[in-house]
């Protein structure tokens, strides 16, 4: 973890080995969430333009994981993403945008493949 103080974990949530939480912005994990091994929740962002990036400018956007979500091993959730309740993120998925409630997403970039 970067700071630890910007990470909130709900009741009965399980987090497996090698979890990375870069909590430059808030990371909120709901109740009854299951997080597989090697999952990364990454809030920091950097400029695309070379000059500001060279100047080491950094920003961050929060991540919200809803209740009863399952995040498969090796998945990566990028800055600013909200994952709706009851959804499943498949192993190895790269989540680049919000995930609705009650769906399964897989792939890079993650896309909905099933409604629950």
Protein backbone atom coordinates (compact mmCIF):
# COMPACT_ATOMS: atom_id res chain seq x y z
CA UNK A 1 0.00 0.00 0.00
CA UNK A 2 1.06 3.57 -0.57
CA UNK A 3 -0.54 5.12 2.52
CA UNK A 4 -3.06 2.71 4.00
CA UNK A 5 -5.09 5.53 5.52
CA UNK A 6 -7.10 6.04 2.31
CA UNK A 7 -8.17 2.38 2.11
CA UNK A 8 -11.53 1.29 3.58
CA UNK A 9 -12.45 -2.40 3.70
CA UNK A 10 -15.98 -3.60 4.49
CA UNK A 11 -17.14 -6.41 6.75
CA UNK A 12 -16.52 -10.06 5.87
CA UNK A 13 -14.24 -9.12 2.96
CA UNK A 14 -11.44 -11.54 2.02
CA UNK A 15 -8.20 -10.33 0.40
CA UNK A 16 -5.74 -12.95 -0.85
CA UNK A 17 -1.93 -12.79 -1.17
CA UNK A 18 0.10 -10.12 -3.02
CA UNK A 19 -2.62 -7.46 -2.99
CA UNK A 20 -1.50 -4.03 -4.23
CA UNK A 21 -3.53 -0.97 -3.23
CA UNK A 22 -2.02 2.32 -4.39
CA UNK A 23 -4.26 4.55 -2.32
CA UNK A 24 -3.12 8.02 -3.38
CA UNK A 25 -6.88 8.64 -3.65
CA UNK A 26 -9.57 6.81 -1.67
CA UNK A 27 -10.12 3.12 -2.26
CA UNK A 28 -13.44 1.87 -0.87
CA UNK A 29 -14.08 -1.88 -0.78
CA UNK A 30 -17.58 -2.97 0.23
CA UNK A 31 -18.89 -5.79 2.39
CA UNK A 32 -18.55 -9.48 1.44
CA UNK A 33 -15.99 -8.80 -1.33
CA UNK A 34 -13.62 -11.56 -2.41
CA UNK A 35 -10.27 -10.48 -3.88
CA UNK A 36 -8.01 -13.07 -5.48
CA UNK A 37 -4.20 -13.17 -5.39
CA UNK A 38 -2.11 -10.54 -7.17
CA UNK A 39 -4.99 -8.08 -7.61
CA UNK A 40 -4.02 -4.42 -8.11
CA UNK A 41 -6.19 -1.39 -7.31
CA UNK A 42 -4.34 1.61 -8.76
CA UNK A 43 -5.55 5.18 -8.12
CA UNK A 44 -2.53 7.26 -9.32
CA UNK A 45 -2.51 8.89 -12.73
CA UNK A 46 0.29 10.66 -14.59
CA UNK A 47 0.18 13.16 -17.48
CA UNK A 48 0.29 11.81 -21.01
CA UNK A 49 2.18 14.92 -22.17
CA UNK A 50 5.97 14.50 -21.81
CA UNK A 51 6.74 17.86 -20.14
CA UNK A 52 4.39 17.60 -17.15
CA UNK A 53 5.32 13.92 -16.77
CA UNK A 54 9.02 14.88 -16.68
CA UNK A 55 8.10 17.40 -13.95
CA UNK A 56 6.79 14.43 -11.92
CA UNK A 57 3.21 15.70 -11.73
CA UNK A 58 0.84 13.13 -10.30
CA UNK A 59 -2.87 13.02 -9.65
CA UNK A 60 -5.23 10.30 -8.49
CA UNK A 61 -8.85 9.22 -8.89
CA UNK A 62 -10.77 7.09 -6.36
CA UNK A 63 -11.78 3.46 -6.80
CA UNK A 64 -15.03 2.03 -5.38
CA UNK A 65 -15.72 -1.70 -5.17
CA UNK A 66 -19.37 -2.47 -4.36
CA UNK A 67 -20.72 -5.11 -1.98
CA UNK A 68 -20.48 -8.81 -2.82
CA UNK A 69 -18.00 -8.34 -5.70
CA UNK A 70 -15.54 -11.08 -6.67
CA UNK A 71 -12.26 -9.93 -8.25
CA UNK A 72 -10.34 -12.80 -9.83
CA UNK A 73 -6.60 -13.31 -9.47
CA UNK A 74 -4.29 -10.91 -11.28
CA UNK A 75 -7.02 -8.42 -12.17
CA UNK A 76 -6.10 -4.73 -12.36
CA UNK A 77 -8.56 -1.93 -11.57
CA UNK A 78 -7.47 1.47 -12.91
CA UNK A 79 -8.03 4.99 -11.50
CA UNK A 80 -11.56 6.33 -11.22
CA UNK A 81 -13.35 2.99 -11.65
CA UNK A 82 -16.48 1.99 -9.75
CA UNK A 83 -17.50 -1.68 -9.70
CA UNK A 84 -21.20 -2.27 -9.05
CA UNK A 85 -22.50 -4.69 -6.43
CA UNK A 86 -22.61 -8.43 -7.11
CA UNK A 87 -20.35 -8.17 -10.17
CA UNK A 88 -17.48 -10.51 -11.03
CA UNK A 89 -14.18 -9.39 -12.55
CA UNK A 90 -12.50 -12.30 -14.31
CA UNK A 91 -8.92 -13.30 -13.59
CA UNK A 92 -6.40 -11.14 -15.41
CA UNK A 93 -8.95 -8.52 -16.48
CA UNK A 94 -7.85 -4.91 -16.85
CA UNK A 95 -10.76 -2.72 -15.74
CA UNK A 96 -10.49 0.67 -17.45
CA UNK A 97 -14.04 1.97 -16.92
CA UNK A 98 -16.99 1.56 -14.57
CA UNK A 99 -18.57 -1.88 -14.23
CA UNK A 100 -22.36 -2.03 -13.78
CA UNK A 101 -23.95 -4.05 -10.98
CA UNK A 102 -24.74 -7.74 -11.56
CA UNK A 103 -22.43 -8.51 -14.49
CA UNK A 104 -19.33 -10.55 -15.31
CA UNK A 105 -16.47 -8.72 -17.03
CA UNK A 106 -13.34 -10.25 -18.57
CA UNK A 107 -10.47 -9.27 -20.82
CA UNK A 108 -8.23 -6.30 -21.59
CA UNK A 109 -9.91 -3.93 -21.59
CA UNK A 110 -12.57 -5.61 -19.47
CA UNK A 111 -15.95 -5.96 -21.13
CA UNK A 112 -19.30 -7.36 -20.03
CA UNK A 113 -19.79 -10.97 -21.11
CA UNK A 114 -22.71 -11.98 -18.91
CA UNK A 115 -25.56 -10.47 -16.89
CA UNK A 116 -26.19 -12.05 -13.50
